[in-house]
Amino acid sequence: MAKTERLILFEFRVKKKRKDKGRSEKEMKGSGVI
């Protein structure tokens, strides 16, 4: 279960990174996403 949750979280992060590429890297760091 924990493994699956981790995978989902990882995929979500990767998708978000691709979506926002460099545009909101600072914002993400500021909000603690990375």
Protein backbone atom coordinates (compact mmCIF):
# COMPACT_ATOMS: atom_id res chain seq x y z
CA MET A 1 0.00 0.00 0.00
CA ALA A 2 2.69 2.48 1.00
CA LYS A 3 4.61 1.57 -2.14
CA THR A 4 1.59 2.29 -4.31
CA GLU A 5 0.97 5.64 -2.62
CA ARG A 6 4.61 6.55 -3.18
CA LEU A 7 4.35 5.66 -6.85
CA ILE A 8 1.21 7.76 -7.29
CA LEU A 9 2.84 10.70 -5.51
CA PHE A 10 5.96 10.33 -7.67
CA GLU A 11 3.93 10.24 -10.89
CA PHE A 12 1.93 13.27 -9.74
CA ARG A 13 5.13 15.20 -9.05
CA VAL A 14 6.66 14.29 -12.39
CA LYS A 15 3.51 15.32 -14.24
CA LYS A 16 3.40 18.60 -12.35
CA LYS A 17 7.07 19.28 -13.09
CA ARG A 18 6.55 18.61 -16.79
CA LYS A 19 3.45 20.79 -16.82
CA ASP A 20 5.07 23.74 -15.06
CA LYS A 21 8.64 23.07 -16.33
CA GLY A 22 10.83 26.00 -15.20
CA ARG A 23 8.04 28.54 -14.87
CA SER A 24 7.08 27.90 -11.24
CA GLU A 25 10.11 26.09 -9.84
CA LYS A 26 10.62 28.85 -7.29
CA GLU A 27 6.94 28.81 -6.37
CA MET A 28 7.01 25.04 -5.88
CA LYS A 29 10.10 25.28 -3.67
CA GLY A 30 8.44 28.05 -1.70
CA SER A 31 5.31 26.01 -1.10
CA GLY A 32 7.32 22.90 -0.18
CA VAL A 33 6.27 20.71 -3.11
CA ILE A 34 9.85 19.84 -4.03
